[in-house]
């Protein structure tokens, strides 16, 4: 009698590259494609004024509407990604950015620029805001989240770096309309990659988040969740929460977060962060340099260098966030930024001096280095709600940017220069540094998800 045959289970297939890194790579490209417009207002403002005679305040108002929608869309976009999936929301956002940029070539009245720059592109970029980076990191990664957020945040800087020199050159010859079409094409080119490769969650491809360990069998398995992945029962089975209305979800999270002091500290600091980056430097650096006799293409080149060092600084900030106290990092970042803004009026001239190069390098390293530590604090304090909370914090970032963009334009029209705007921004950075340094160390930890018996 022959012995019974034993069936040997096939060894699990080992993937050389975890799918999370593929998703992160596509997300990076999507952020690059969506970032084209971030470089546009400062470059296109002077050509539009020349052709249509619109004031700096009118064009600043268009940028402000964009920044407001950019910010207010973010928390709802995070909830929409939970409801409909990351891929669908990202694809629609890129289409809106592409459409808004392309339709800009048809404008003849000032209200039309408010519609294209403001409404369409604002909604699109808001759905592709930095909360997108936090959502990818929290969904697909159980470790190295700070580094991943830093890399993805750098995607926006990379987009600025890629597009800005071309936009500046096209705006000079043949004209700003071709520059707008380039921005639209850059956003739409990424849509096929998003639809093909940007998966919604690790469960879609049958894996755990990168760095996560399978739950050990036993009554305590799954008692704690290391990320926003579905809750697991004691047997290790996934239990997905019922789908909820995205707007209700976002507002419920805001209600809970508003009762926590740390939330308001992050809101205040990030509002100042937005005012001193997108609102002032991003929108008004090129027009201000032009006021001092510097050619627009030269000023655009300097802003592109800011984008280059932003990539380095943001990735480094992500690495530091995984290792050091994020509140201390925020305080240092804001204070260095304030010093840079304080001396900027002394550096602007018709030619590029070595001191301006130093400013550009330092400001670039600090541009959005604040994002990884801010997202980390949101995750530490608010747990699974962290991505949506970061969306609301980012909304404050853009509201601050919108207010600063409009105010700086009004200051320029009233005084003929931007000097008072730079000094006010430097003072605000000191306030942000103090607020960040005083965020309480004893921030509450996310509550564990109860496990069904």
Protein backbone atom coordinates (compact mmCIF):
# COMPACT_ATOMS: atom_id res chain seq x y z
CA UNK A 1 0.00 0.00 0.00
CA UNK A 2 1.47 3.29 -1.07
CA UNK A 3 1.74 6.06 1.54
CA UNK A 4 -0.68 8.94 1.07
CA UNK A 5 0.65 11.75 -1.01
CA UNK A 6 1.35 15.01 0.77
CA UNK A 7 0.41 18.22 -0.95
CA UNK A 8 3.03 20.91 -0.62
CA UNK A 9 1.63 24.40 -0.72
CA UNK A 10 3.39 26.58 -3.29
CA UNK A 11 5.72 29.14 -1.82
CA UNK A 12 4.28 32.63 -1.90
CA UNK A 13 5.53 34.73 -4.77
CA UNK A 14 7.84 37.46 -3.57
CA UNK A 15 7.52 40.77 -5.30
CA UNK A 16 10.80 42.57 -5.80
CA UNK A 17 9.01 45.92 -5.70
CA UNK A 18 6.03 46.41 -3.44
CA UNK A 19 3.00 47.78 -5.36
CA UNK A 20 2.93 50.73 -2.97
CA UNK A 21 6.02 52.15 -4.65
CA UNK A 22 4.39 51.89 -8.08
CA UNK A 23 1.38 53.78 -6.75
CA UNK A 24 3.68 56.38 -5.20
CA UNK A 25 5.52 56.84 -8.51
CA UNK A 26 2.27 57.43 -10.43
CA UNK A 27 1.05 59.77 -7.68
CA UNK A 28 4.31 61.72 -8.04
CA UNK A 29 3.74 62.10 -11.79
CA UNK A 30 0.14 63.18 -11.17
CA UNK A 31 1.32 65.88 -8.78
CA UNK A 32 3.88 67.02 -11.35
CA UNK A 33 1.15 67.30 -13.99
CA UNK A 34 -1.17 69.16 -11.65
CA UNK A 35 1.53 71.59 -10.52
CA UNK A 36 1.88 73.40 -13.83
CA UNK A 37 -0.61 76.10 -12.89
CA UNK A 38 1.22 76.80 -9.63
CA UNK A 39 4.00 78.31 -11.74
CA UNK A 40 1.67 80.23 -14.07
CA UNK A 41 0.21 83.29 -12.26
CA UNK A 42 3.50 84.98 -11.51
CA UNK A 43 4.71 84.48 -15.09
CA UNK A 44 1.45 85.33 -16.88
CA UNK A 45 0.41 88.29 -14.74
CA UNK A 46 2.50 90.90 -16.57
CA UNK A 47 1.55 89.68 -20.12
CA UNK A 48 -2.14 89.74 -19.20
CA UNK A 49 -1.82 93.23 -17.76
CA UNK A 50 -0.06 94.36 -20.92
CA UNK A 51 -2.73 92.93 -23.26
CA UNK A 52 -5.92 93.68 -21.34
CA UNK A 53 -4.92 96.51 -18.99
CA UNK A 54 -6.18 94.66 -15.91
CA UNK A 55 -4.85 95.81 -12.53
CA UNK A 56 -2.68 93.72 -10.24
CA UNK A 57 -5.60 93.56 -7.81
CA UNK A 58 -7.94 91.99 -10.42
CA UNK A 59 -5.47 89.27 -11.32
CA UNK A 60 -4.61 88.74 -7.66
CA UNK A 61 -8.34 88.24 -7.02
CA UNK A 62 -8.38 85.43 -9.61
CA UNK A 63 -5.44 83.80 -7.88
CA UNK A 64 -7.15 84.26 -4.51
CA UNK A 65 -10.33 82.53 -5.69
CA UNK A 66 -8.16 79.70 -6.97
CA UNK A 67 -6.33 79.41 -3.65
CA UNK A 68 -9.55 79.53 -1.61
CA UNK A 69 -11.11 76.72 -3.65
CA UNK A 70 -7.77 74.93 -3.67
CA UNK A 71 -7.92 74.90 0.12
CA UNK A 72 -11.62 74.35 0.79
CA UNK A 73 -11.82 71.48 -1.69
CA UNK A 74 -8.99 69.59 0.01
CA UNK A 75 -10.82 68.09 3.04
CA UNK A 76 -13.79 67.09 0.90
CA UNK A 77 -11.40 65.62 -1.68
CA UNK A 78 -9.86 63.45 1.04
CA UNK A 79 -13.33 62.21 2.00
CA UNK A 80 -14.24 61.71 -1.68
CA UNK A 81 -11.13 59.58 -2.10
CA UNK A 82 -12.34 57.42 0.78
CA UNK A 83 -15.81 57.23 -0.79
CA UNK A 84 -15.11 56.83 -4.53
CA UNK A 85 -11.46 55.86 -4.60
CA UNK A 86 -8.20 57.70 -5.15
CA UNK A 87 -8.05 56.91 -8.86
CA UNK A 88 -11.42 58.39 -9.87
CA UNK A 89 -11.00 61.63 -7.89
CA UNK A 90 -7.47 62.15 -9.19
CA UNK A 91 -8.46 61.62 -12.83
CA UNK A 92 -11.37 64.08 -12.59
CA UNK A 93 -9.13 66.65 -10.89
CA UNK A 94 -6.54 66.49 -13.66
CA UNK A 95 -9.26 66.91 -16.30
CA UNK A 96 -10.55 70.04 -14.53
CA UNK A 97 -7.05 71.53 -14.41
CA UNK A 98 -6.50 70.75 -18.10
CA UNK A 99 -9.86 72.21 -19.10
CA UNK A 100 -9.41 75.37 -17.04
CA UNK A 101 -5.96 76.01 -18.47
CA UNK A 102 -7.02 75.39 -22.05
CA UNK A 103 -10.12 77.60 -21.79
CA UNK A 104 -8.00 80.48 -20.49
CA UNK A 105 -6.85 81.17 -24.07
CA UNK A 106 -10.41 82.29 -24.88
CA UNK A 107 -10.78 84.95 -22.17
CA UNK A 108 -11.49 88.55 -23.14
CA UNK A 109 -13.09 89.89 -19.93
CA UNK A 110 -11.76 89.96 -16.38
CA UNK A 111 -14.66 87.87 -15.01
CA UNK A 112 -13.68 85.06 -17.35
CA UNK A 113 -10.23 84.78 -15.82
CA UNK A 114 -11.99 84.44 -12.47
CA UNK A 115 -13.89 81.47 -13.90
CA UNK A 116 -10.92 79.66 -15.47
CA UNK A 117 -8.06 80.47 -13.11
CA UNK A 118 -10.38 80.65 -10.12
CA UNK A 119 -13.23 78.15 -10.32
CA UNK A 120 -12.15 75.33 -12.65
CA UNK A 121 -8.47 75.17 -11.81
CA UNK A 122 -9.19 75.87 -8.14
CA UNK A 123 -11.49 72.86 -7.87
CA UNK A 124 -9.03 70.69 -9.78
CA UNK A 125 -5.91 71.64 -7.89
CA UNK A 126 -7.83 71.42 -4.60
CA UNK A 127 -8.63 67.80 -5.33
CA UNK A 128 -4.94 67.25 -6.11
CA UNK A 129 -3.77 69.18 -3.07
CA UNK A 130 -1.11 68.02 -0.63
CA UNK A 131 -3.81 66.03 1.13
CA UNK A 132 -3.50 63.66 -1.84
CA UNK A 133 0.07 62.94 -0.78
CA UNK A 134 -1.04 62.30 2.81
CA UNK A 135 -3.83 59.99 1.63
CA UNK A 136 -1.44 57.93 -0.52
CA UNK A 137 1.07 57.65 2.30
CA UNK A 138 -1.50 56.72 4.96
CA UNK A 139 -3.28 54.20 2.73
CA UNK A 140 -0.33 52.42 1.14
CA UNK A 141 2.47 52.72 3.70
CA UNK A 142 2.74 51.52 7.29
CA UNK A 143 6.34 52.72 7.60
CA UNK A 144 8.42 55.48 5.96
CA UNK A 145 5.31 57.65 5.76
CA UNK A 146 7.22 60.85 6.40
CA UNK A 147 9.67 60.07 3.61
CA UNK A 148 6.85 59.21 1.18
CA UNK A 149 4.93 62.40 1.98
CA UNK A 150 8.16 64.33 1.45
CA UNK A 151 8.74 62.71 -1.94
CA UNK A 152 5.15 63.24 -3.11
CA UNK A 153 5.08 66.81 -1.85
CA UNK A 154 8.22 67.38 -3.88
CA UNK A 155 6.15 66.40 -6.92
CA UNK A 156 4.52 69.82 -6.79
CA UNK A 157 7.93 71.44 -6.68
CA UNK A 158 9.08 69.25 -9.54
CA UNK A 159 6.07 70.38 -11.56
CA UNK A 160 7.02 73.98 -10.92
CA UNK A 161 10.60 73.21 -11.91
CA UNK A 162 9.56 71.42 -15.11
CA UNK A 163 6.96 73.92 -16.29
CA UNK A 164 8.21 77.30 -15.11
CA UNK A 165 11.09 77.89 -17.56
CA UNK A 166 8.94 76.79 -20.52
CA UNK A 167 5.98 78.89 -19.38
CA UNK A 168 8.23 81.93 -19.01
CA UNK A 169 9.78 81.40 -22.44
CA UNK A 170 6.43 80.83 -24.16
CA UNK A 171 4.88 83.85 -22.43
CA UNK A 172 7.56 86.00 -24.05
CA UNK A 173 7.37 84.40 -27.51
CA UNK A 174 4.96 83.35 -28.99
CA UNK A 175 2.68 84.40 -26.10
CA UNK A 176 0.84 83.56 -22.88
CA UNK A 177 -1.87 81.55 -24.68
CA UNK A 178 0.63 78.89 -25.75
CA UNK A 179 1.88 78.78 -22.16
CA UNK A 180 -1.67 78.09 -20.94
CA UNK A 181 -2.06 75.27 -23.46
CA UNK A 182 1.19 73.72 -22.21
CA UNK A 183 -0.18 73.64 -18.67
CA UNK A 184 -3.40 71.99 -19.84
CA UNK A 185 -1.51 69.39 -21.87
CA UNK A 186 0.73 68.56 -18.91
CA UNK A 187 -2.26 67.81 -16.68
CA UNK A 188 -4.14 65.74 -19.26
CA UNK A 189 -1.06 63.69 -20.21
CA UNK A 190 -1.00 62.03 -16.79
CA UNK A 191 -4.66 60.89 -16.84
CA UNK A 192 -4.04 57.58 -18.71
CA UNK A 193 -1.30 56.61 -16.22
CA UNK A 194 -3.62 57.36 -13.31
CA UNK A 195 -6.42 55.21 -14.75
CA UNK A 196 -4.06 52.31 -15.44
CA UNK A 197 -1.75 52.19 -12.44
CA UNK A 198 -3.11 54.22 -9.52
CA UNK A 199 -4.85 51.59 -7.41
CA UNK A 200 -7.17 52.65 -4.63
CA UNK A 201 -5.88 50.47 -1.78
CA UNK A 202 -3.55 47.55 -1.04
CA UNK A 203 -6.58 45.28 -0.84
CA UNK A 204 -7.20 45.87 -4.56
CA UNK A 205 -4.01 43.98 -5.38
CA UNK A 206 -4.12 41.53 -2.48
CA UNK A 207 -1.29 42.94 -0.36
CA UNK A 208 -0.80 44.69 2.95
CA UNK A 209 0.49 48.26 3.11
CA UNK A 210 4.23 48.54 2.70
CA UNK A 211 5.91 47.68 5.99
CA UNK A 212 2.78 46.23 7.59
CA UNK A 213 2.89 42.78 9.18
CA UNK A 214 0.03 40.28 8.88
CA UNK A 215 -2.11 40.14 12.04
CA UNK A 216 -1.13 37.21 14.27
CA UNK A 217 -3.98 34.73 14.88
CA UNK A 218 -5.44 35.06 18.30
CA UNK A 219 -7.99 37.01 20.31
CA UNK A 220 -5.87 40.18 20.32
CA UNK A 221 -5.17 40.31 16.60
CA UNK A 222 -6.05 43.56 14.98
CA UNK A 223 -6.49 45.39 18.26
CA UNK A 224 -4.48 48.27 16.91
CA UNK A 225 -4.46 49.70 13.46
CA UNK A 226 -1.24 51.05 11.96
CA UNK A 227 -2.97 52.82 9.12
CA UNK A 228 -6.26 53.57 7.41
CA UNK A 229 -6.55 50.07 6.01
CA UNK A 230 -9.85 48.21 6.70
CA UNK A 231 -10.52 47.02 10.24
CA UNK A 232 -9.73 43.35 10.78
CA UNK A 233 -11.54 40.90 12.99
CA UNK A 234 -9.81 38.53 15.41
CA UNK A 235 -9.67 35.97 12.59
CA UNK A 236 -7.84 38.44 10.36
CA UNK A 237 -10.78 39.03 8.03
CA UNK A 238 -11.26 42.48 6.63
CA UNK A 239 -14.34 44.39 7.71
CA UNK A 240 -14.89 47.44 5.55
CA UNK A 241 -16.79 50.37 6.97
CA UNK A 242 -19.99 51.26 5.15
CA UNK A 243 -19.58 53.98 2.56
CA UNK A 244 -20.45 57.39 3.92
CA UNK A 245 -21.37 60.68 2.36
CA UNK A 246 -18.08 62.46 1.69
CA UNK A 247 -19.30 65.91 2.74
CA UNK A 248 -20.79 64.59 5.98
CA UNK A 249 -17.60 62.67 6.71
CA UNK A 250 -15.44 65.77 6.18
CA UNK A 251 -17.66 67.94 8.37
CA UNK A 252 -17.85 65.33 11.13
CA UNK A 253 -14.07 65.12 11.21
CA UNK A 254 -13.85 68.92 11.37
CA UNK A 255 -16.26 68.97 14.31
CA UNK A 256 -14.17 66.45 16.23
CA UNK A 257 -10.85 68.09 15.34
CA UNK A 258 -12.04 71.57 16.29
CA UNK A 259 -12.23 70.45 19.93
CA UNK A 260 -8.50 69.69 20.00
CA UNK A 261 -6.07 72.53 20.70
CA UNK A 262 -3.38 71.06 18.46
CA UNK A 263 -5.68 71.37 15.45
CA UNK A 264 -5.93 75.15 15.85
CA UNK A 265 -2.18 75.46 16.33
CA UNK A 266 -1.62 73.60 13.06
CA UNK A 267 -4.29 75.70 11.31
CA UNK A 268 -2.67 78.96 12.39
CA UNK A 269 0.84 77.86 11.43
CA UNK A 270 -0.19 76.43 8.08
CA UNK A 271 -2.20 79.55 7.19
CA UNK A 272 0.99 81.55 7.61
CA UNK A 273 2.87 78.92 5.62
CA UNK A 274 0.47 79.39 2.70
CA UNK A 275 0.65 83.17 2.94
CA UNK A 276 4.43 83.15 2.68
CA UNK A 277 4.73 80.59 -0.15
CA UNK A 278 1.87 80.36 -2.67
CA UNK A 279 0.37 83.69 -1.66
CA UNK A 280 3.46 85.92 -1.75
CA UNK A 281 6.52 84.34 -3.35
CA UNK A 282 4.61 82.09 -5.74
CA UNK A 283 2.31 84.86 -6.97
CA UNK A 284 4.27 88.10 -6.56
CA UNK A 285 7.99 87.32 -6.65
CA UNK A 286 8.25 87.68 -10.44
CA UNK A 287 6.19 90.92 -10.63
CA UNK A 288 8.21 92.32 -7.71
CA UNK A 289 11.51 91.43 -9.38
CA UNK A 290 10.17 93.02 -12.58
CA UNK A 291 9.50 96.23 -10.61
CA UNK A 292 13.23 96.30 -9.80
CA UNK A 293 14.20 95.94 -13.46
CA UNK A 294 14.86 92.21 -13.53
CA UNK A 295 13.68 90.44 -16.74
CA UNK A 296 10.72 88.12 -16.20
CA UNK A 297 12.57 85.13 -17.61
CA UNK A 298 15.41 85.69 -15.15
CA UNK A 299 13.01 85.96 -12.22
CA UNK A 300 11.21 82.82 -13.44
CA UNK A 301 14.55 81.04 -13.54
CA UNK A 302 15.15 81.98 -9.91
CA UNK A 303 11.73 80.67 -8.96
CA UNK A 304 12.51 77.44 -10.78
CA UNK A 305 15.66 77.11 -8.67
CA UNK A 306 13.42 77.50 -5.62
CA UNK A 307 11.48 74.52 -6.96
CA UNK A 308 14.67 72.51 -7.44
CA UNK A 309 15.84 72.99 -3.88
CA UNK A 310 12.28 72.49 -2.65
CA UNK A 311 12.54 68.90 -3.87
CA UNK A 312 15.70 68.36 -1.85
CA UNK A 313 14.37 70.15 1.21
CA UNK A 314 11.01 68.41 1.28
CA UNK A 315 12.44 64.91 0.89
CA UNK A 316 15.01 65.69 3.58
CA UNK A 317 12.22 67.02 5.80
CA UNK A 318 10.32 63.76 5.35
CA UNK A 319 13.41 61.82 6.41
CA UNK A 320 13.88 64.09 9.44
CA UNK A 321 10.19 63.78 10.37
CA UNK A 322 10.56 60.01 10.71
CA UNK A 323 13.36 60.61 13.26
CA UNK A 324 12.82 63.89 15.14
CA UNK A 325 10.09 65.81 16.93
CA UNK A 326 7.94 67.35 14.16
CA UNK A 327 6.91 70.40 16.24
CA UNK A 328 10.55 71.45 16.65
CA UNK A 329 11.14 70.99 12.93
CA UNK A 330 8.18 73.26 12.18
CA UNK A 331 9.45 75.99 14.50
CA UNK A 332 12.88 75.95 12.87
CA UNK A 333 11.44 75.98 9.33
CA UNK A 334 9.16 78.95 10.00
CA UNK A 335 11.85 81.03 11.69
CA UNK A 336 14.34 80.53 8.87
CA UNK A 337 11.65 81.51 6.37
CA UNK A 338 10.93 84.70 8.30
CA UNK A 339 14.58 85.71 8.23
CA UNK A 340 14.67 85.21 4.47
CA UNK A 341 11.59 87.37 3.89
CA UNK A 342 12.96 90.10 6.14
CA UNK A 343 16.04 90.58 3.95
CA UNK A 344 14.38 89.97 0.57
CA UNK A 345 13.61 93.68 -0.18
CA UNK A 346 17.34 94.37 0.15
CA UNK A 347 18.24 91.66 -2.37
CA UNK A 348 15.95 92.53 -5.28
CA UNK A 349 17.71 94.35 -8.12
CA UNK A 350 17.97 94.39 -11.90
CA UNK A 351 20.71 91.75 -11.83
CA UNK A 352 21.14 88.52 -9.91
CA UNK A 353 23.61 89.01 -7.06
CA UNK A 354 25.23 86.18 -5.03
CA UNK A 355 23.10 87.14 -2.03
CA UNK A 356 19.96 86.48 -4.10
CA UNK A 357 21.26 83.01 -4.97
CA UNK A 358 21.74 82.31 -1.26
CA UNK A 359 18.17 83.46 -0.57
CA UNK A 360 16.76 81.27 -3.36
CA UNK A 361 18.59 78.18 -2.11
CA UNK A 362 17.58 78.64 1.53
CA UNK A 363 13.98 79.56 0.70
CA UNK A 364 13.74 76.61 -1.66
CA UNK A 365 14.92 74.15 1.00
CA UNK A 366 12.27 75.59 3.32
CA UNK A 367 9.42 76.04 0.79
CA UNK A 368 7.11 73.16 1.75
CA UNK A 369 9.40 71.38 4.19
CA UNK A 370 6.57 72.09 6.65
CA UNK A 371 4.29 69.50 5.05
CA UNK A 372 5.80 66.20 6.34
CA UNK A 373 5.91 67.27 10.01
CA UNK A 374 2.42 68.81 9.81
CA UNK A 375 0.98 65.64 8.25
CA UNK A 376 2.81 63.54 10.86
CA UNK A 377 1.26 65.50 13.73
CA UNK A 378 -2.19 65.09 12.15
CA UNK A 379 -1.63 61.34 11.96
CA UNK A 380 -0.27 61.10 15.51
CA UNK A 381 -3.08 63.08 17.06
CA UNK A 382 -6.11 62.12 14.94
CA UNK A 383 -5.32 58.57 13.83
CA UNK A 384 -7.49 57.29 10.98
CA UNK A 385 -9.00 60.77 10.58
CA UNK A 386 -5.53 62.19 9.98
CA UNK A 387 -5.81 62.55 6.20
CA UNK A 388 -9.12 64.44 6.37
CA UNK A 389 -7.85 66.58 9.26
CA UNK A 390 -4.79 67.41 7.18
CA UNK A 391 -7.21 68.42 4.44
CA UNK A 392 -8.78 71.00 6.76
CA UNK A 393 -5.36 72.19 7.90
CA UNK A 394 -4.37 72.52 4.26
CA UNK A 395 -7.56 74.52 3.66
CA UNK A 396 -6.20 77.04 6.16
CA UNK A 397 -2.92 77.02 4.23
CA UNK A 398 -4.70 78.07 1.05
CA UNK A 399 -6.95 80.60 2.77
CA UNK A 400 -3.82 82.22 4.12
CA UNK A 401 -2.31 82.13 0.65
CA UNK A 402 -5.43 83.68 -0.89
CA UNK A 403 -5.50 86.51 1.66
CA UNK A 404 -1.80 87.22 1.15
CA UNK A 405 -2.05 87.15 -2.65
CA UNK A 406 -4.90 89.67 -2.63
CA UNK A 407 -3.39 91.86 0.09
CA UNK A 408 0.02 92.00 -1.59
CA UNK A 409 -1.60 93.01 -4.88
CA UNK A 410 -3.47 95.79 -3.10
CA UNK A 411 -0.26 96.92 -1.36
CA UNK A 412 1.50 97.04 -4.73
CA UNK A 413 -1.27 99.13 -6.30
CA UNK A 414 -1.41 101.49 -3.30
CA UNK A 415 2.32 102.03 -2.68
CA UNK A 416 3.95 101.06 -5.95
CA UNK A 417 6.07 98.37 -4.28
CA UNK A 418 5.85 95.15 -2.28
CA UNK A 419 8.19 96.05 0.61
CA UNK A 420 5.52 96.25 3.33
CA UNK A 421 4.12 92.88 2.23
CA UNK A 422 7.53 91.20 2.66
CA UNK A 423 8.04 92.71 6.13
CA UNK A 424 4.55 91.68 7.28
CA UNK A 425 5.17 88.14 6.08
CA UNK A 426 8.45 87.96 8.01
CA UNK A 427 6.64 88.94 11.21
CA UNK A 428 3.97 86.30 10.62
CA UNK A 429 6.64 83.60 10.24
CA UNK A 430 7.96 84.41 13.72
CA UNK A 431 4.43 84.01 15.07
CA UNK A 432 4.14 80.62 13.32
CA UNK A 433 7.46 79.50 14.80
CA UNK A 434 6.30 80.32 18.33
CA UNK A 435 2.94 78.59 17.82
CA UNK A 436 4.62 75.45 16.45
CA UNK A 437 7.15 75.28 19.28
CA UNK A 438 4.36 75.42 21.87
CA UNK A 439 2.30 72.55 20.44
CA UNK A 440 1.84 70.23 23.38
CA UNK A 441 4.06 67.16 23.57
CA UNK A 442 1.30 65.12 25.19
CA UNK A 443 -0.90 65.04 22.08
CA UNK A 444 -3.38 62.23 22.48
CA UNK A 445 -2.75 59.03 20.59
CA UNK A 446 -5.31 57.62 18.20
CA UNK A 447 -7.76 55.34 19.91
CA UNK A 448 -7.50 51.67 19.08
CA UNK A 449 -10.22 50.19 16.92
CA UNK A 450 -12.28 47.77 19.00
CA UNK A 451 -12.21 44.18 17.78
CA UNK A 452 -15.45 42.20 17.53
CA UNK A 453 -15.56 39.29 19.93
